[in-house]
Amino acid sequence: MKLYGIKNCDTVKKARRWLDDQGIAHEFHDFRKDGLSEALLSRWEAELGWEALINRRGTTWRKLPETVRDTMDAQSAHQVMLGNPSIIKRPVVEHNGTVRVGFNADDWARQYANG
């Protein structure tokens, strides 16, 4: 299991704590510090769609010019996410060939409790 996010994000902290509490081994990749490759982002977009990856409730979204927010499409979203990885909803989890985004303890218990 690989968890992607930003180290100081509260949701990422909760997710990592939950995984540790459950004894689920995982690797953490801080895409602010360790970077975000175009290939990785493209893979997530192909599986989830760009809309699922954009965090519209965060500060990074609110700081975007209104014209950028109002006209966002797949191509512009891709560029915005590459340039501002903190706009990506967190955490992103790769596990057994699937990609999921966000943290919900009950959902994670159903998805990941059995390894």
N, C-alpha and C. Protein backbone atom coordinates (compact mmCIF):
# COMPACT_ATOMS: atom_id res chain seq x y z
N MET A 1 0.85 -1.17 0.00
CA MET A 1 0.00 0.00 0.00
C MET A 1 0.90 1.23 0.00
N LYS A 2 0.52 2.18 -0.84
CA LYS A 2 1.25 3.44 -0.89
C LYS A 2 0.26 4.58 -0.69
N LEU A 3 0.59 5.46 0.23
CA LEU A 3 -0.25 6.59 0.60
C LEU A 3 0.45 7.86 0.12
N TYR A 4 -0.29 8.67 -0.61
CA TYR A 4 0.23 9.94 -1.14
C TYR A 4 -0.51 11.09 -0.48
N GLY A 5 0.23 12.13 -0.18
CA GLY A 5 -0.40 13.30 0.40
C GLY A 5 0.63 14.31 0.81
N ILE A 6 0.28 15.09 1.82
CA ILE A 6 1.16 16.11 2.37
C ILE A 6 1.27 15.84 3.86
N LYS A 7 2.50 15.78 4.33
CA LYS A 7 2.79 15.34 5.70
C LYS A 7 1.99 16.10 6.76
N ASN A 8 1.82 17.40 6.61
CA ASN A 8 1.16 18.18 7.66
C ASN A 8 -0.35 18.32 7.46
N CYS A 9 -0.92 17.64 6.48
CA CYS A 9 -2.37 17.66 6.25
C CYS A 9 -3.06 16.85 7.36
N ASP A 10 -4.07 17.44 8.00
CA ASP A 10 -4.77 16.76 9.09
C ASP A 10 -5.39 15.44 8.64
N THR A 11 -5.98 15.41 7.46
CA THR A 11 -6.61 14.18 6.98
C THR A 11 -5.57 13.10 6.73
N VAL A 12 -4.44 13.49 6.19
CA VAL A 12 -3.35 12.52 5.96
C VAL A 12 -2.84 12.00 7.31
N LYS A 13 -2.71 12.88 8.27
CA LYS A 13 -2.28 12.45 9.61
C LYS A 13 -3.26 11.42 10.18
N LYS A 14 -4.55 11.68 10.06
CA LYS A 14 -5.57 10.74 10.56
C LYS A 14 -5.46 9.41 9.84
N ALA A 15 -5.30 9.46 8.52
CA ALA A 15 -5.20 8.23 7.73
C ALA A 15 -3.97 7.42 8.11
N ARG A 16 -2.84 8.08 8.26
CA ARG A 16 -1.61 7.38 8.64
C ARG A 16 -1.74 6.78 10.04
N ARG A 17 -2.34 7.53 10.95
CA ARG A 17 -2.55 7.03 12.32
C ARG A 17 -3.46 5.81 12.28
N TRP A 18 -4.54 5.86 11.48
CA TRP A 18 -5.47 4.75 11.37
C TRP A 18 -4.74 3.50 10.85
N LEU A 19 -3.94 3.69 9.80
CA LEU A 19 -3.19 2.55 9.25
C LEU A 19 -2.25 1.96 10.30
N ASP A 20 -1.54 2.83 11.02
CA ASP A 20 -0.64 2.36 12.06
C ASP A 20 -1.40 1.61 13.15
N ASP A 21 -2.54 2.16 13.57
CA ASP A 21 -3.35 1.52 14.61
C ASP A 21 -3.87 0.16 14.18
N GLN A 22 -4.11 0.00 12.88
CA GLN A 22 -4.61 -1.27 12.35
C GLN A 22 -3.47 -2.24 12.04
N GLY A 23 -2.24 -1.77 12.15
CA GLY A 23 -1.08 -2.61 11.83
C GLY A 23 -0.93 -2.85 10.34
N ILE A 24 -1.40 -1.91 9.53
CA ILE A 24 -1.33 -2.06 8.07
C ILE A 24 -0.08 -1.34 7.56
N ALA A 25 0.82 -2.12 6.99
CA ALA A 25 2.06 -1.55 6.47
C ALA A 25 1.76 -0.67 5.27
N HIS A 26 2.45 0.45 5.21
CA HIS A 26 2.26 1.36 4.09
C HIS A 26 3.51 2.21 3.89
N GLU A 27 3.64 2.69 2.70
CA GLU A 27 4.71 3.62 2.36
C GLU A 27 4.06 4.99 2.16
N PHE A 28 4.70 6.04 2.63
CA PHE A 28 4.16 7.38 2.48
C PHE A 28 5.00 8.19 1.51
N HIS A 29 4.31 8.87 0.60
CA HIS A 29 4.96 9.75 -0.38
C HIS A 29 4.36 11.14 -0.23
N ASP A 30 5.18 12.08 0.21
CA ASP A 30 4.74 13.47 0.36
C ASP A 30 4.95 14.17 -0.98
N PHE A 31 3.84 14.41 -1.70
CA PHE A 31 4.05 14.98 -3.03
C PHE A 31 4.42 16.45 -3.03
N ARG A 32 4.38 17.09 -1.91
CA ARG A 32 4.93 18.44 -1.83
C ARG A 32 6.45 18.37 -1.74
N LYS A 33 6.94 17.43 -0.93
CA LYS A 33 8.39 17.30 -0.74
C LYS A 33 9.04 16.38 -1.78
N ASP A 34 8.39 15.26 -2.07
CA ASP A 34 8.98 14.25 -2.96
C ASP A 34 8.59 14.42 -4.42
N GLY A 35 7.66 15.32 -4.71
CA GLY A 35 7.26 15.59 -6.08
C GLY A 35 6.09 14.73 -6.54
N LEU A 36 5.59 15.09 -7.69
CA LEU A 36 4.47 14.39 -8.32
C LEU A 36 4.78 14.29 -9.80
N SER A 37 4.91 13.09 -10.30
CA SER A 37 5.25 12.92 -11.71
C SER A 37 4.00 13.02 -12.58
N GLU A 38 4.21 13.43 -13.80
CA GLU A 38 3.10 13.53 -14.74
C GLU A 38 2.50 12.16 -15.01
N ALA A 39 3.35 11.12 -15.07
CA ALA A 39 2.85 9.76 -15.33
C ALA A 39 1.95 9.28 -14.19
N LEU A 40 2.36 9.55 -12.96
CA LEU A 40 1.55 9.14 -11.81
C LEU A 40 0.21 9.87 -11.81
N LEU A 41 0.25 11.17 -12.01
CA LEU A 41 -0.99 11.95 -12.05
C LEU A 41 -1.90 11.46 -13.17
N SER A 42 -1.35 11.20 -14.32
CA SER A 42 -2.15 10.71 -15.46
C SER A 42 -2.81 9.38 -15.12
N ARG A 43 -2.09 8.51 -14.41
CA ARG A 43 -2.66 7.22 -14.02
C ARG A 43 -3.85 7.42 -13.07
N TRP A 44 -3.69 8.32 -12.11
CA TRP A 44 -4.80 8.61 -11.19
C TRP A 44 -5.99 9.19 -11.93
N GLU A 45 -5.73 10.11 -12.86
CA GLU A 45 -6.81 10.72 -13.63
C GLU A 45 -7.54 9.68 -14.46
N ALA A 46 -6.80 8.74 -15.03
CA ALA A 46 -7.42 7.70 -15.86
C ALA A 46 -8.33 6.81 -15.01
N GLU A 47 -7.92 6.54 -13.79
CA GLU A 47 -8.72 5.66 -12.93
C GLU A 47 -9.88 6.38 -12.24
N LEU A 48 -9.63 7.60 -11.75
CA LEU A 48 -10.63 8.29 -10.93
C LEU A 48 -11.35 9.42 -11.64
N GLY A 49 -10.72 9.99 -12.67
CA GLY A 49 -11.22 11.21 -13.29
C GLY A 49 -10.66 12.41 -12.56
N TRP A 50 -10.37 13.47 -13.28
CA TRP A 50 -9.75 14.64 -12.67
C TRP A 50 -10.64 15.29 -11.62
N GLU A 51 -11.96 15.22 -11.82
CA GLU A 51 -12.88 15.87 -10.89
C GLU A 51 -12.76 15.30 -9.48
N ALA A 52 -12.54 14.00 -9.37
CA ALA A 52 -12.43 13.36 -8.05
C ALA A 52 -11.15 13.76 -7.32
N LEU A 53 -10.16 14.20 -8.08
CA LEU A 53 -8.86 14.53 -7.49
C LEU A 53 -8.78 15.98 -6.99
N ILE A 54 -9.61 16.84 -7.51
CA ILE A 54 -9.54 18.26 -7.15
C ILE A 54 -10.24 18.50 -5.81
N ASN A 55 -9.52 19.09 -4.87
CA ASN A 55 -10.08 19.45 -3.58
C ASN A 55 -10.65 20.86 -3.68
N ARG A 56 -11.93 20.96 -3.86
CA ARG A 56 -12.58 22.26 -4.03
C ARG A 56 -12.87 22.96 -2.70
N ARG A 57 -12.52 22.33 -1.58
CA ARG A 57 -12.78 22.94 -0.28
C ARG A 57 -11.52 23.53 0.35
N GLY A 58 -10.38 23.35 -0.30
CA GLY A 58 -9.13 23.78 0.29
C GLY A 58 -8.71 25.19 -0.10
N THR A 59 -7.70 25.65 0.60
CA THR A 59 -7.15 26.99 0.37
C THR A 59 -6.58 27.14 -1.03
N THR A 60 -5.92 26.10 -1.53
CA THR A 60 -5.31 26.20 -2.87
C THR A 60 -6.38 26.46 -3.92
N TRP A 61 -7.52 25.79 -3.82
CA TRP A 61 -8.62 26.02 -4.76
C TRP A 61 -9.13 27.45 -4.66
N ARG A 62 -9.33 27.91 -3.45
CA ARG A 62 -9.87 29.27 -3.25
C ARG A 62 -8.91 30.34 -3.75
N LYS A 63 -7.61 30.05 -3.74
CA LYS A 63 -6.62 31.02 -4.19
C LYS A 63 -6.50 31.08 -5.72
N LEU A 64 -7.04 30.08 -6.41
CA LEU A 64 -7.00 30.12 -7.87
C LEU A 64 -7.86 31.27 -8.38
N PRO A 65 -7.44 31.90 -9.48
CA PRO A 65 -8.30 32.93 -10.06
C PRO A 65 -9.67 32.33 -10.44
N GLU A 66 -10.69 33.12 -10.28
CA GLU A 66 -12.05 32.66 -10.57
C GLU A 66 -12.17 32.15 -12.00
N THR A 67 -11.49 32.80 -12.93
CA THR A 67 -11.56 32.36 -14.33
C THR A 67 -10.98 30.96 -14.50
N VAL A 68 -9.94 30.64 -13.75
CA VAL A 68 -9.35 29.30 -13.82
C VAL A 68 -10.33 28.28 -13.23
N ARG A 69 -10.90 28.59 -12.07
CA ARG A 69 -11.86 27.67 -11.44
C ARG A 69 -13.08 27.44 -12.33
N ASP A 70 -13.60 28.52 -12.92
CA ASP A 70 -14.84 28.43 -13.70
C ASP A 70 -14.66 27.72 -15.04
N THR A 71 -13.45 27.71 -15.56
CA THR A 71 -13.24 27.12 -16.89
C THR A 71 -12.41 25.83 -16.84
N MET A 72 -12.23 25.28 -15.65
CA MET A 72 -11.38 24.11 -15.51
C MET A 72 -11.94 22.93 -16.29
N ASP A 73 -11.04 22.29 -17.02
CA ASP A 73 -11.36 21.06 -17.74
C ASP A 73 -10.23 20.07 -17.48
N ALA A 74 -10.27 18.93 -18.12
CA ALA A 74 -9.28 17.88 -17.85
C ALA A 74 -7.85 18.38 -18.08
N GLN A 75 -7.64 19.09 -19.16
CA GLN A 75 -6.29 19.54 -19.49
C GLN A 75 -5.79 20.60 -18.49
N SER A 76 -6.62 21.58 -18.20
CA SER A 76 -6.18 22.63 -17.28
C SER A 76 -6.05 22.07 -15.85
N ALA A 77 -6.93 21.16 -15.47
CA ALA A 77 -6.84 20.55 -14.14
C ALA A 77 -5.52 19.80 -13.99
N HIS A 78 -5.13 19.10 -15.03
CA HIS A 78 -3.86 18.36 -15.02
C HIS A 78 -2.70 19.31 -14.75
N GLN A 79 -2.68 20.42 -15.45
CA GLN A 79 -1.60 21.39 -15.27
C GLN A 79 -1.64 22.03 -13.88
N VAL A 80 -2.82 22.35 -13.41
CA VAL A 80 -2.95 22.94 -12.07
C VAL A 80 -2.46 21.96 -11.01
N MET A 81 -2.83 20.68 -11.13
CA MET A 81 -2.41 19.69 -10.14
C MET A 81 -0.90 19.47 -10.17
N LEU A 82 -0.31 19.46 -11.36
CA LEU A 82 1.15 19.32 -11.44
C LEU A 82 1.86 20.51 -10.81
N GLY A 83 1.34 21.69 -11.05
CA GLY A 83 1.95 22.90 -10.52
C GLY A 83 1.66 23.16 -9.06
N ASN A 84 0.53 22.64 -8.58
CA ASN A 84 0.08 22.86 -7.20
C ASN A 84 -0.45 21.56 -6.62
N PRO A 85 0.42 20.60 -6.31
CA PRO A 85 -0.07 19.31 -5.81
C PRO A 85 -0.95 19.42 -4.57
N SER A 86 -0.85 20.53 -3.85
CA SER A 86 -1.68 20.67 -2.64
C SER A 86 -3.15 20.83 -2.97
N ILE A 87 -3.50 21.00 -4.25
CA ILE A 87 -4.92 21.09 -4.64
C ILE A 87 -5.55 19.70 -4.76
N ILE A 88 -4.72 18.66 -4.71
CA ILE A 88 -5.23 17.30 -4.83
C ILE A 88 -5.85 16.86 -3.51
N LYS A 89 -7.05 16.31 -3.60
CA LYS A 89 -7.74 15.78 -2.42
C LYS A 89 -6.85 14.68 -1.83
N ARG A 90 -6.79 14.65 -0.51
CA ARG A 90 -5.87 13.74 0.15
C ARG A 90 -6.60 12.88 1.18
N PRO A 91 -5.98 11.74 1.44
CA PRO A 91 -4.85 11.12 0.76
C PRO A 91 -5.28 10.38 -0.50
N VAL A 92 -4.32 10.11 -1.35
CA VAL A 92 -4.53 9.22 -2.48
C VAL A 92 -3.86 7.91 -2.08
N VAL A 93 -4.56 6.80 -2.27
CA VAL A 93 -4.05 5.49 -1.85
C VAL A 93 -4.01 4.56 -3.05
N GLU A 94 -2.86 3.96 -3.26
CA GLU A 94 -2.72 2.89 -4.25
C GLU A 94 -2.58 1.58 -3.48
N HIS A 95 -3.47 0.63 -3.80
CA HIS A 95 -3.48 -0.64 -3.08
C HIS A 95 -4.05 -1.72 -3.98
N ASN A 96 -3.30 -2.79 -4.16
CA ASN A 96 -3.75 -3.94 -4.97
C ASN A 96 -4.29 -3.52 -6.34
N GLY A 97 -3.59 -2.60 -6.98
CA GLY A 97 -3.97 -2.21 -8.34
C GLY A 97 -5.11 -1.21 -8.43
N THR A 98 -5.58 -0.71 -7.30
CA THR A 98 -6.65 0.29 -7.32
C THR A 98 -6.14 1.62 -6.77
N VAL A 99 -6.86 2.67 -7.10
CA VAL A 99 -6.55 4.00 -6.59
C VAL A 99 -7.82 4.54 -5.94
N ARG A 100 -7.67 5.06 -4.75
CA ARG A 100 -8.79 5.69 -4.04
C ARG A 100 -8.31 7.02 -3.49
N VAL A 101 -9.27 7.90 -3.23
CA VAL A 101 -8.93 9.21 -2.70
C VAL A 101 -9.81 9.53 -1.51
N GLY A 102 -9.21 10.20 -0.51
CA GLY A 102 -9.95 10.59 0.69
C GLY A 102 -9.81 9.55 1.79
N PHE A 103 -10.22 9.96 2.99
CA PHE A 103 -10.15 9.06 4.14
C PHE A 103 -11.48 9.03 4.87
N ASN A 104 -11.97 7.81 5.08
CA ASN A 104 -13.13 7.56 5.90
C ASN A 104 -12.85 6.23 6.62
N ALA A 105 -12.75 6.28 7.94
CA ALA A 105 -12.35 5.11 8.71
C ALA A 105 -13.23 3.89 8.44
N ASP A 106 -14.54 4.08 8.35
CA ASP A 106 -15.44 2.95 8.11
C ASP A 106 -15.20 2.33 6.73
N ASP A 107 -15.06 3.19 5.72
CA ASP A 107 -14.78 2.69 4.36
C ASP A 107 -13.43 1.97 4.33
N TRP A 108 -12.45 2.57 4.96
CA TRP A 108 -11.13 1.95 4.98
C TRP A 108 -11.15 0.61 5.70
N ALA A 109 -11.92 0.49 6.75
CA ALA A 109 -12.02 -0.78 7.47
C ALA A 109 -12.53 -1.87 6.54
N ARG A 110 -13.52 -1.52 5.71
CA ARG A 110 -14.05 -2.49 4.75
C ARG A 110 -13.05 -2.79 3.63
N GLN A 111 -12.32 -1.80 3.18
CA GLN A 111 -11.42 -1.96 2.05
C GLN A 111 -10.08 -2.60 2.43
N TYR A 112 -9.52 -2.18 3.55
CA TYR A 112 -8.12 -2.50 3.82
C TYR A 112 -7.87 -3.39 5.03
N ALA A 113 -8.86 -3.67 5.83
CA ALA A 113 -8.63 -4.43 7.06
C ALA A 113 -8.11 -5.83 6.80
N ASN A 114 -8.43 -6.38 5.64
CA ASN A 114 -7.96 -7.74 5.33
C ASN A 114 -6.70 -7.75 4.49
N GLY A 115 -6.02 -6.62 4.45
CA GLY A 115 -4.75 -6.55 3.74
C GLY A 115 -4.96 -6.09 2.36
